[in-house]
PDB file of all heavy atoms in Angstrom:
ATOM      1  N   TYR A   1      58.281  16.059  13.064  1.00  0.00           N
ATOM      2  CA  TYR A   1      59.469  15.563  12.333  1.00  0.00           C
ATOM      3  C   TYR A   1      60.077  14.298  12.921  1.00  0.00           C
ATOM      4  O   TYR A   1      61.071  13.807  12.335  1.00  0.00           O
ATOM      5  CB  TYR A   1      60.538  16.671  12.357  1.00  0.00           C
ATOM      6  CG  TYR A   1      60.054  18.004  11.791  1.00  0.00           C
ATOM      7  CD1 TYR A   1      60.050  19.121  12.548  1.00  0.00           C
ATOM      8  CD2 TYR A   1      59.646  18.072  10.496  1.00  0.00           C
ATOM      9  CE1 TYR A   1      59.608  20.324  12.041  1.00  0.00           C
ATOM     10  CE2 TYR A   1      59.198  19.270   9.915  1.00  0.00           C
ATOM     11  CZ  TYR A   1      59.162  20.408  10.723  1.00  0.00           C
ATOM     12  OH  TYR A   1      58.752  21.566  10.229  1.00  0.00           O
ATOM     13  N   GLY A   2      59.581  13.744  13.922  1.00  0.00           N
ATOM     14  CA  GLY A   2      60.120  12.575  14.533  1.00  0.00           C
ATOM     15  C   GLY A   2      60.311  11.359  13.570  1.00  0.00           C
ATOM     16  O   GLY A   2      61.267  10.624  13.719  1.00  0.00           O
ATOM     17  N   PHE A   3      59.417  11.260  12.604  1.00  0.00           N
ATOM     18  CA  PHE A   3      59.511  10.125  11.671  1.00  0.00           C
ATOM     19  C   PHE A   3      60.751  10.261  10.816  1.00  0.00           C
ATOM     20  O   PHE A   3      61.239   9.290  10.229  1.00  0.00           O
ATOM     21  CB  PHE A   3      58.255  10.140  10.781  1.00  0.00           C
ATOM     22  CG  PHE A   3      58.145  11.327   9.875  1.00  0.00           C
ATOM     23  CD1 PHE A   3      58.705  11.342   8.643  1.00  0.00           C
ATOM     24  CD2 PHE A   3      57.521  12.494  10.347  1.00  0.00           C
ATOM     25  CE1 PHE A   3      58.612  12.462   7.824  1.00  0.00           C
ATOM     26  CE2 PHE A   3      57.412  13.628   9.566  1.00  0.00           C
ATOM     27  CZ  PHE A   3      57.969  13.605   8.287  1.00  0.00           C
ATOM     28  N   ALA A   4      61.391  11.394  10.732  1.00  0.00           N
ATOM     29  CA  ALA A   4      62.556  11.619   9.880  1.00  0.00           C
ATOM     30  C   ALA A   4      63.823  11.650  10.751  1.00  0.00           C
ATOM     31  O   ALA A   4      64.919  11.957  10.286  1.00  0.00           O
ATOM     32  CB  ALA A   4      62.422  12.918   9.175  1.00  0.00           C
ATOM     33  N   TYR A   5      63.713  11.209  12.014  1.00  0.00           N
ATOM     34  CA  TYR A   5      64.876  11.361  12.945  1.00  0.00           C
ATOM     35  C   TYR A   5      66.172  10.742  12.457  1.00  0.00           C
ATOM     36  O   TYR A   5      67.227  11.293  12.557  1.00  0.00           O
ATOM     37  CB  TYR A   5      64.490  10.725  14.293  1.00  0.00           C
ATOM     38  CG  TYR A   5      65.503  10.907  15.402  1.00  0.00           C
ATOM     39  CD1 TYR A   5      65.606  12.107  16.060  1.00  0.00           C
ATOM     40  CD2 TYR A   5      66.358   9.913  15.737  1.00  0.00           C
ATOM     41  CE1 TYR A   5      66.559  12.355  17.053  1.00  0.00           C
ATOM     42  CE2 TYR A   5      67.373  10.064  16.739  1.00  0.00           C
ATOM     43  CZ  TYR A   5      67.391  11.290  17.362  1.00  0.00           C
ATOM     44  OH  TYR A   5      68.384  11.476  18.334  1.00  0.00           O
ATOM     45  N   ASN A   6      66.058   9.577  11.849  1.00  0.00           N
ATOM     46  CA  ASN A   6      67.251   8.835  11.361  1.00  0.00           C
ATOM     47  C   ASN A   6      67.485   9.071   9.852  1.00  0.00           C
ATOM     48  O   ASN A   6      68.388   8.461   9.281  1.00  0.00           O
ATOM     49  CB  ASN A   6      67.110   7.342  11.629  1.00  0.00           C
ATOM     50  CG  ASN A   6      67.160   7.043  13.099  1.00  0.00           C
ATOM     51  OD1 ASN A   6      67.984   7.539  13.801  1.00  0.00           O
ATOM     52  ND2 ASN A   6      66.142   6.290  13.534  1.00  0.00           N
ATOM     53  N   GLU A   7      66.805   9.995   9.250  1.00  0.00           N
ATOM     54  CA  GLU A   7      66.930  10.238   7.827  1.00  0.00           C
ATOM     55  C   GLU A   7      67.878  11.390   7.455  1.00  0.00           C
ATOM     56  O   GLU A   7      68.348  11.505   6.355  1.00  0.00           O
ATOM     57  CB  GLU A   7      65.555  10.592   7.178  1.00  0.00           C
ATOM     58  CG  GLU A   7      64.544   9.452   7.288  1.00  0.00           C
ATOM     59  CD  GLU A   7      64.965   8.214   6.536  1.00  0.00           C
ATOM     60  OE1 GLU A   7      65.466   8.335   5.390  1.00  0.00           O
ATOM     61  OE2 GLU A   7      64.805   7.097   7.085  1.00  0.00           O
ATOM     62  N   PHE A   8      68.185  12.219   8.430  1.00  0.00           N
ATOM     63  CA  PHE A   8      69.032  13.437   8.208  1.00  0.00           C
ATOM     64  C   PHE A   8      70.078  13.533   9.295  1.00  0.00           C
ATOM     65  O   PHE A   8      69.936  12.974  10.367  1.00  0.00           O
ATOM     66  CB  PHE A   8      68.174  14.669   8.212  1.00  0.00           C
ATOM     67  CG  PHE A   8      67.114  14.736   7.128  1.00  0.00           C
ATOM     68  CD1 PHE A   8      65.840  14.289   7.422  1.00  0.00           C
ATOM     69  CD2 PHE A   8      67.407  15.158   5.861  1.00  0.00           C
ATOM     70  CE1 PHE A   8      64.842  14.343   6.418  1.00  0.00           C
ATOM     71  CE2 PHE A   8      66.465  15.173   4.846  1.00  0.00           C
ATOM     72  CZ  PHE A   8      65.174  14.748   5.151  1.00  0.00           C
ATOM     73  N   GLU A   9      71.072  14.323   8.996  1.00  0.00           N
ATOM     74  CA  GLU A   9      72.057  14.662  10.028  1.00  0.00           C
ATOM     75  C   GLU A   9      71.357  15.398  11.159  1.00  0.00           C
ATOM     76  O   GLU A   9      70.363  16.083  10.929  1.00  0.00           O
ATOM     77  CB  GLU A   9      73.139  15.567   9.426  1.00  0.00           C
ATOM     78  CG  GLU A   9      73.996  14.952   8.341  1.00  0.00           C
ATOM     79  CD  GLU A   9      75.016  13.937   8.903  1.00  0.00           C
ATOM     80  OE1 GLU A   9      75.447  14.068  10.029  1.00  0.00           O
ATOM     81  OE2 GLU A   9      75.292  12.953   8.151  1.00  0.00           O
ATOM     82  N   TYR A  10      71.859  15.231  12.360  1.00  0.00           N
ATOM     83  CA  TYR A  10      71.233  15.844  13.515  1.00  0.00           C
ATOM     84  C   TYR A  10      70.971  17.339  13.350  1.00  0.00           C
ATOM     85  O   TYR A  10      69.883  17.862  13.645  1.00  0.00           O
ATOM     86  CB  TYR A  10      72.083  15.544  14.766  1.00  0.00           C
ATOM     87  CG  TYR A  10      71.345  15.860  16.044  1.00  0.00           C
ATOM     88  CD1 TYR A  10      70.426  15.015  16.600  1.00  0.00           C
ATOM     89  CD2 TYR A  10      71.613  17.102  16.680  1.00  0.00           C
ATOM     90  CE1 TYR A  10      69.755  15.378  17.781  1.00  0.00           C
ATOM     91  CE2 TYR A  10      70.959  17.471  17.826  1.00  0.00           C
ATOM     92  CZ  TYR A  10      70.019  16.611  18.407  1.00  0.00           C
ATOM     93  OH  TYR A  10      69.395  16.905  19.556  1.00  0.00           O
ATOM     94  N   GLU A  11      72.012  18.019  12.903  1.00  0.00           N
ATOM     95  CA  GLU A  11      71.941  19.480  12.733  1.00  0.00           C
ATOM     96  C   GLU A  11      70.850  19.903  11.799  1.00  0.00           C
ATOM     97  O   GLU A  11      70.136  20.886  12.008  1.00  0.00           O
ATOM     98  CB  GLU A  11      73.259  20.033  12.357  1.00  0.00           C
ATOM     99  CG  GLU A  11      74.356  19.974  13.431  1.00  0.00           C
ATOM    100  CD  GLU A  11      74.884  18.626  13.654  1.00  0.00           C
ATOM    101  OE1 GLU A  11      74.780  17.709  12.814  1.00  0.00           O
ATOM    102  OE2 GLU A  11      75.493  18.356  14.758  1.00  0.00           O
ATOM    103  N   LYS A  12      70.680  19.111  10.680  1.00  0.00           N
ATOM    104  CA  LYS A  12      69.657  19.443   9.709  1.00  0.00           C
ATOM    105  C   LYS A  12      68.259  19.202  10.349  1.00  0.00           C
ATOM    106  O   LYS A  12      67.320  20.065  10.142  1.00  0.00           O
ATOM    107  CB  LYS A  12      69.747  18.541   8.443  1.00  0.00           C
ATOM    108  CG  LYS A  12      68.753  18.849   7.386  1.00  0.00           C
ATOM    109  CD  LYS A  12      68.896  20.223   6.794  1.00  0.00           C
ATOM    110  CE  LYS A  12      67.941  20.455   5.669  1.00  0.00           C
ATOM    111  NZ  LYS A  12      68.020  21.857   5.188  1.00  0.00           N
ATOM    112  N   GLY A  13      68.092  18.185  11.143  1.00  0.00           N
ATOM    113  CA  GLY A  13      66.832  17.935  11.820  1.00  0.00           C
ATOM    114  C   GLY A  13      66.512  19.093  12.778  1.00  0.00           C
ATOM    115  O   GLY A  13      65.361  19.578  12.890  1.00  0.00           O
ATOM    116  N   MET A  14      67.539  19.536  13.472  1.00  0.00           N
ATOM    117  CA  MET A  14      67.314  20.612  14.422  1.00  0.00           C
ATOM    118  C   MET A  14      67.021  21.952  13.740  1.00  0.00           C
ATOM    119  O   MET A  14      66.323  22.768  14.261  1.00  0.00           O
ATOM    120  CB  MET A  14      68.554  20.774  15.350  1.00  0.00           C
ATOM    121  CG  MET A  14      68.639  19.702  16.448  1.00  0.00           C
ATOM    122  SD  MET A  14      67.142  19.523  17.466  1.00  0.00           S
ATOM    123  CE  MET A  14      67.090  21.169  18.210  1.00  0.00           C
ATOM    124  N   GLU A  15      67.529  22.080  12.526  1.00  0.00           N
ATOM    125  CA  GLU A  15      67.211  23.278  11.741  1.00  0.00           C
ATOM    126  C   GLU A  15      65.733  23.385  11.509  1.00  0.00           C
ATOM    127  O   GLU A  15      65.134  24.451  11.649  1.00  0.00           O
ATOM    128  CB  GLU A  15      67.982  23.243  10.446  1.00  0.00           C
ATOM    129  CG  GLU A  15      67.841  24.449   9.568  1.00  0.00           C
ATOM    130  CD  GLU A  15      68.640  24.387   8.314  1.00  0.00           C
ATOM    131  OE1 GLU A  15      69.775  23.909   8.332  1.00  0.00           O
ATOM    132  OE2 GLU A  15      68.076  24.748   7.211  1.00  0.00           O
ATOM    133  N   TYR A  16      65.117  22.243  11.196  1.00  0.00           N
ATOM    134  CA  TYR A  16      63.657  22.220  11.058  1.00  0.00           C
ATOM    135  C   TYR A  16      62.942  22.591  12.332  1.00  0.00           C
ATOM    136  O   TYR A  16      61.987  23.352  12.347  1.00  0.00           O
ATOM    137  CB  TYR A  16      63.178  20.827  10.550  1.00  0.00           C
ATOM    138  CG  TYR A  16      63.451  20.623   9.056  1.00  0.00           C
ATOM    139  CD1 TYR A  16      64.491  19.874   8.629  1.00  0.00           C
ATOM    140  CD2 TYR A  16      62.528  21.142   8.110  1.00  0.00           C
ATOM    141  CE1 TYR A  16      64.755  19.621   7.315  1.00  0.00           C
ATOM    142  CE2 TYR A  16      62.763  20.936   6.780  1.00  0.00           C
ATOM    143  CZ  TYR A  16      63.881  20.179   6.348  1.00  0.00           C
ATOM    144  OH  TYR A  16      64.069  19.960   5.033  1.00  0.00           O
ATOM    145  N   CYS A  17      63.453  21.967  13.426  1.00  0.00           N
ATOM    146  CA  CYS A  17      62.832  22.232  14.731  1.00  0.00           C
ATOM    147  C   CYS A  17      62.927  23.660  15.132  1.00  0.00           C
ATOM    148  O   CYS A  17      61.957  24.307  15.622  1.00  0.00           O
ATOM    149  CB  CYS A  17      63.447  21.319  15.784  1.00  0.00           C
ATOM    150  SG  CYS A  17      63.113  19.576  15.564  1.00  0.00           S
ATOM    151  N   LEU A  18      64.107  24.259  14.930  1.00  0.00           N
ATOM    152  CA  LEU A  18      64.322  25.657  15.361  1.00  0.00           C
ATOM    153  C   LEU A  18      63.526  26.659  14.491  1.00  0.00           C
ATOM    154  O   LEU A  18      63.026  27.639  14.947  1.00  0.00           O
ATOM    155  CB  LEU A  18      65.780  25.980  15.350  1.00  0.00           C
ATOM    156  CG  LEU A  18      66.625  25.208  16.323  1.00  0.00           C
ATOM    157  CD1 LEU A  18      68.120  25.540  16.232  1.00  0.00           C
ATOM    158  CD2 LEU A  18      66.134  25.352  17.799  1.00  0.00           C
ATOM    159  N   THR A  19      63.298  26.307  13.262  1.00  0.00           N
ATOM    160  CA  THR A  19      62.494  27.097  12.378  1.00  0.00           C
ATOM    161  C   THR A  19      61.043  27.084  12.866  1.00  0.00           C
ATOM    162  O   THR A  19      60.379  28.108  12.867  1.00  0.00           O
ATOM    163  CB  THR A  19      62.614  26.581  10.901  1.00  0.00           C
ATOM    164  OG1 THR A  19      63.946  26.736  10.488  1.00  0.00           O
ATOM    165  CG2 THR A  19      61.673  27.403   9.993  1.00  0.00           C
ATOM    166  N   LEU A  20      60.583  25.890  13.225  1.00  0.00           N
ATOM    167  CA  LEU A  20      59.265  25.745  13.802  1.00  0.00           C
ATOM    168  C   LEU A  20      59.173  26.544  15.138  1.00  0.00           C
ATOM    169  O   LEU A  20      58.146  27.198  15.348  1.00  0.00           O
ATOM    170  CB  LEU A  20      58.965  24.267  14.045  1.00  0.00           C
ATOM    171  CG  LEU A  20      57.542  23.874  14.500  1.00  0.00           C
ATOM    172  CD1 LEU A  20      56.454  24.311  13.506  1.00  0.00           C
ATOM    173  CD2 LEU A  20      57.433  22.413  14.714  1.00  0.00           C
ATOM    174  N   LEU A  21      60.148  26.471  15.990  1.00  0.00           N
ATOM    175  CA  LEU A  21      60.166  27.214  17.230  1.00  0.00           C
ATOM    176  C   LEU A  21      60.088  28.725  17.006  1.00  0.00           C
ATOM    177  O   LEU A  21      59.326  29.389  17.740  1.00  0.00           O
ATOM    178  CB  LEU A  21      61.457  26.848  18.018  1.00  0.00           C
ATOM    179  CG  LEU A  21      61.697  27.683  19.295  1.00  0.00           C
ATOM    180  CD1 LEU A  21      60.488  27.602  20.259  1.00  0.00           C
ATOM    181  CD2 LEU A  21      62.997  27.135  19.965  1.00  0.00           C
ATOM    182  N   ALA A  22      60.729  29.195  15.997  1.00  0.00           N
ATOM    183  CA  ALA A  22      60.736  30.591  15.662  1.00  0.00           C
ATOM    184  C   ALA A  22      59.271  31.131  15.335  1.00  0.00           C
ATOM    185  O   ALA A  22      58.988  32.299  15.458  1.00  0.00           O
ATOM    186  CB  ALA A  22      61.612  30.926  14.486  1.00  0.00           C
ATOM    187  N   MET A  23      58.426  30.214  14.924  1.00  0.00           N
ATOM    188  CA  MET A  23      57.013  30.541  14.580  1.00  0.00           C
ATOM    189  C   MET A  23      56.107  30.582  15.785  1.00  0.00           C
ATOM    190  O   MET A  23      54.936  30.923  15.693  1.00  0.00           O
ATOM    191  CB  MET A  23      56.501  29.582  13.558  1.00  0.00           C
ATOM    192  CG  MET A  23      57.238  29.630  12.245  1.00  0.00           C
ATOM    193  SD  MET A  23      56.563  28.379  11.142  1.00  0.00           S
ATOM    194  CE  MET A  23      57.823  28.238   9.944  1.00  0.00           C
ATOM    195  N   CYS A  24      56.640  30.088  16.913  1.00  0.00           N
ATOM    196  CA  CYS A  24      55.782  29.959  18.146  1.00  0.00           C
ATOM    197  C   CYS A  24      55.960  31.142  19.109  1.00  0.00           C
ATOM    198  O   CYS A  24      56.936  31.842  19.079  1.00  0.00           O
ATOM    199  CB  CYS A  24      56.183  28.650  18.862  1.00  0.00           C
ATOM    200  SG  CYS A  24      55.706  27.178  17.876  1.00  0.00           S
ATOM    201  N   ASP A  25      54.910  31.300  19.962  1.00  0.00           N
ATOM    202  CA  ASP A  25      54.921  32.442  20.893  1.00  0.00           C
ATOM    203  C   ASP A  25      55.748  32.139  22.169  1.00  0.00           C
ATOM    204  O   ASP A  25      56.271  33.072  22.785  1.00  0.00           O
ATOM    205  CB  ASP A  25      53.470  32.731  21.326  1.00  0.00           C
ATOM    206  CG  ASP A  25      52.617  33.129  20.136  1.00  0.00           C
ATOM    207  OD1 ASP A  25      53.021  34.075  19.403  1.00  0.00           O
ATOM    208  OD2 ASP A  25      51.563  32.564  19.981  1.00  0.00           O
ATOM    209  N   GLU A  26      55.804  30.856  22.564  1.00  0.00           N
ATOM    210  CA  GLU A  26      56.570  30.474  23.755  1.00  0.00           C
ATOM    211  C   GLU A  26      57.198  29.055  23.553  1.00  0.00           C
ATOM    212  O   GLU A  26      56.723  28.304  22.716  1.00  0.00           O
ATOM    213  CB  GLU A  26      55.600  30.382  24.976  1.00  0.00           C
ATOM    214  CG  GLU A  26      55.114  31.700  25.439  1.00  0.00           C
ATOM    215  CD  GLU A  26      54.240  31.607  26.705  1.00  0.00           C
ATOM    216  OE1 GLU A  26      53.971  30.528  27.176  1.00  0.00           O
ATOM    217  OE2 GLU A  26      53.790  32.672  27.211  1.00  0.00           O
ATOM    218  N   LEU A  27      58.188  28.825  24.408  1.00  0.00           N
ATOM    219  CA  LEU A  27      58.842  27.510  24.474  1.00  0.00           C
ATOM    220  C   LEU A  27      58.501  26.947  25.827  1.00  0.00           C
ATOM    221  O   LEU A  27      58.743  27.570  26.868  1.00  0.00           O
ATOM    222  CB  LEU A  27      60.342  27.620  24.331  1.00  0.00           C
ATOM    223  CG  LEU A  27      61.179  26.425  24.681  1.00  0.00           C
ATOM    224  CD1 LEU A  27      60.834  25.192  23.803  1.00  0.00           C
ATOM    225  CD2 LEU A  27      62.656  26.764  24.653  1.00  0.00           C
ATOM    226  N   TRP A  28      57.893  25.781  25.878  1.00  0.00           N
ATOM    227  CA  TRP A  28      57.604  25.075  27.130  1.00  0.00           C
ATOM    228  C   TRP A  28      58.520  23.854  27.123  1.00  0.00           C
ATOM    229  O   TRP A  28      58.492  23.061  26.208  1.00  0.00           O
ATOM    230  CB  TRP A  28      56.159  24.613  27.242  1.00  0.00           C
ATOM    231  CG  TRP A  28      55.219  25.784  27.480  1.00  0.00           C
ATOM    232  CD1 TRP A  28      55.464  27.133  27.380  1.00  0.00           C
ATOM    233  CD2 TRP A  28      53.828  25.709  27.789  1.00  0.00           C
ATOM    234  NE1 TRP A  28      54.343  27.845  27.646  1.00  0.00           N
ATOM    235  CE2 TRP A  28      53.322  27.067  27.896  1.00  0.00           C
ATOM    236  CE3 TRP A  28      52.982  24.627  27.948  1.00  0.00           C
ATOM    237  CZ2 TRP A  28      51.967  27.227  28.163  1.00  0.00           C
ATOM    238  CZ3 TRP A  28      51.638  24.893  28.245  1.00  0.00           C
ATOM    239  CH2 TRP A  28      51.140  26.188  28.352  1.00  0.00           C
ATOM    240  N   ILE A  29      59.320  23.671  28.180  1.00  0.00           N
ATOM    241  CA  ILE A  29      60.271  22.559  28.256  1.00  0.00           C
ATOM    242  C   ILE A  29      59.859  21.561  29.356  1.00  0.00           C
ATOM    243  O   ILE A  29      59.523  21.956  30.454  1.00  0.00           O
ATOM    244  CB  ILE A  29      61.682  23.106  28.568  1.00  0.00           C
ATOM    245  CG1 ILE A  29      62.092  24.195  27.562  1.00  0.00           C
ATOM    246  CG2 ILE A  29      62.689  21.954  28.591  1.00  0.00           C
ATOM    247  CD1 ILE A  29      63.402  24.854  27.829  1.00  0.00           C
ATOM    248  N   TYR A  30      59.906  20.313  28.973  1.00  0.00           N
ATOM    249  CA  TYR A  30      59.532  19.197  29.880  1.00  0.00           C
ATOM    250  C   TYR A  30      60.625  18.200  29.951  1.00  0.00           C
ATOM    251  O   TYR A  30      61.511  18.110  29.070  1.00  0.00           O
ATOM    252  CB  TYR A  30      58.225  18.555  29.329  1.00  0.00           C
ATOM    253  CG  TYR A  30      57.020  19.374  29.341  1.00  0.00           C
ATOM    254  CD1 TYR A  30      56.772  20.264  28.280  1.00  0.00           C
ATOM    255  CD2 TYR A  30      56.085  19.264  30.370  1.00  0.00           C
ATOM    256  CE1 TYR A  30      55.599  21.023  28.311  1.00  0.00           C
ATOM    257  CE2 TYR A  30      54.993  20.047  30.348  1.00  0.00           C
ATOM    258  CZ  TYR A  30      54.726  20.965  29.342  1.00  0.00           C
ATOM    259  OH  TYR A  30      53.610  21.690  29.302  1.00  0.00           O
ATOM    260  N   GLY A  31      60.468  17.303  30.887  1.00  0.00           N
ATOM    261  CA  GLY A  31      61.364  16.100  30.970  1.00  0.00           C
ATOM    262  C   GLY A  31      62.768  16.483  31.500  1.00  0.00           C
ATOM    263  O   GLY A  31      63.010  17.526  32.029  1.00  0.00           O
ATOM    264  N   ASN A  32      63.624  15.562  31.377  1.00  0.00           N
ATOM    265  CA  ASN A  32      65.000  15.678  31.821  1.00  0.00           C
ATOM    266  C   ASN A  32      65.802  16.456  30.739  1.00  0.00           C
ATOM    267  O   ASN A  32      66.742  15.947  30.140  1.00  0.00           O
ATOM    268  CB  ASN A  32      65.626  14.301  32.080  1.00  0.00           C
ATOM    269  CG  ASN A  32      66.895  14.315  32.847  1.00  0.00           C
ATOM    270  OD1 ASN A  32      67.302  15.393  33.347  1.00  0.00           O
ATOM    271  ND2 ASN A  32      67.589  13.247  32.924  1.00  0.00           N
ATOM    272  N   TRP A  33      65.406  17.656  30.463  1.00  0.00           N
ATOM    273  CA  TRP A  33      65.836  18.412  29.346  1.00  0.00           C
ATOM    274  C   TRP A  33      67.315  18.820  29.411  1.00  0.00           C
ATOM    275  O   TRP A  33      67.977  18.987  28.394  1.00  0.00           O
ATOM    276  CB  TRP A  33      65.007  19.679  29.139  1.00  0.00           C
ATOM    277  CG  TRP A  33      65.161  20.667  30.262  1.00  0.00           C
ATOM    278  CD1 TRP A  33      64.430  20.696  31.395  1.00  0.00           C
ATOM    279  CD2 TRP A  33      66.071  21.726  30.333  1.00  0.00           C
ATOM    280  NE1 TRP A  33      64.859  21.762  32.161  1.00  0.00           N
ATOM    281  CE2 TRP A  33      65.826  22.429  31.529  1.00  0.00           C
ATOM    282  CE3 TRP A  33      67.120  22.214  29.462  1.00  0.00           C
ATOM    283  CZ2 TRP A  33      66.615  23.494  31.955  1.00  0.00           C
ATOM    284  CZ3 TRP A  33      67.781  23.313  29.841  1.00  0.00           C
ATOM    285  CH2 TRP A  33      67.582  23.951  31.097  1.00  0.00           C
ATOM    286  N   GLU A  34      67.875  18.981  30.636  1.00  0.00           N
ATOM    287  CA  GLU A  34      69.230  19.377  30.779  1.00  0.00           C
ATOM    288  C   GLU A  34      70.253  18.445  30.091  1.00  0.00           C
ATOM    289  O   GLU A  34      71.316  18.847  29.716  1.00  0.00           O
ATOM    290  CB  GLU A  34      69.617  19.535  32.230  1.00  0.00           C
ATOM    291  CG  GLU A  34      68.859  20.611  33.006  1.00  0.00           C
ATOM    292  CD  GLU A  34      67.660  20.058  33.743  1.00  0.00           C
ATOM    293  OE1 GLU A  34      67.158  19.002  33.397  1.00  0.00           O
ATOM    294  OE2 GLU A  34      67.272  20.701  34.731  1.00  0.00           O
ATOM    295  N   LYS A  35      69.847  17.165  30.000  1.00  0.00           N
ATOM    296  CA  LYS A  35      70.711  16.163  29.410  1.00  0.00           C
ATOM    297  C   LYS A  35      70.440  15.934  27.943  1.00  0.00           C
ATOM    298  O   LYS A  35      71.011  15.037  27.355  1.00  0.00           O
ATOM    299  CB  LYS A  35      70.617  14.822  30.141  1.00  0.00           C
ATOM    300  CG  LYS A  35      71.094  14.942  31.602  1.00  0.00           C
ATOM    301  CD  LYS A  35      71.068  13.654  32.340  1.00  0.00           C
ATOM    302  CE  LYS A  35      71.578  13.807  33.726  1.00  0.00           C
ATOM    303  NZ  LYS A  35      71.473  12.616  34.511  1.00  0.00           N
ATOM    304  N   SER A  36      69.495  16.709  27.373  1.00  0.00           N
ATOM    305  CA  SER A  36      69.121  16.554  25.985  1.00  0.00           C
ATOM    306  C   SER A  36      69.789  17.634  25.111  1.00  0.00           C
ATOM    307  O   SER A  36      69.553  18.848  25.324  1.00  0.00           O
ATOM    308  CB  SER A  36      67.596  16.681  25.837  1.00  0.00           C
ATOM    309  OG  SER A  36      67.187  16.864  24.519  1.00  0.00           O
ATOM    310  N   ARG A  37      70.586  17.241  24.189  1.00  0.00           N
ATOM    311  CA  ARG A  37      71.259  18.123  23.291  1.00  0.00           C
ATOM    312  C   ARG A  37      70.241  19.044  22.546  1.00  0.00           C
ATOM    313  O   ARG A  37      70.388  20.251  22.456  1.00  0.00           O
ATOM    314  CB  ARG A  37      72.076  17.313  22.295  1.00  0.00           C
ATOM    315  CG  ARG A  37      72.833  18.107  21.286  1.00  0.00           C
ATOM    316  CD  ARG A  37      73.626  17.198  20.375  1.00  0.00           C
ATOM    317  NE  ARG A  37      74.171  17.891  19.258  1.00  0.00           N
ATOM    318  CZ  ARG A  37      74.669  17.297  18.167  1.00  0.00           C
ATOM    319  NH1 ARG A  37      74.653  15.962  18.090  1.00  0.00           N
ATOM    320  NH2 ARG A  37      75.146  18.002  17.134  1.00  0.00           N
TER     321      ARG A  37
END
């Protein structure tokens, strides 16, 4: 969904991401994630 980053409100974009996350078996977190909303 990165190509649509500036096309939608942040919350709408995250809705897509969280729906995708719900379909996965695990969440792996990388980078300086604590500072990432």
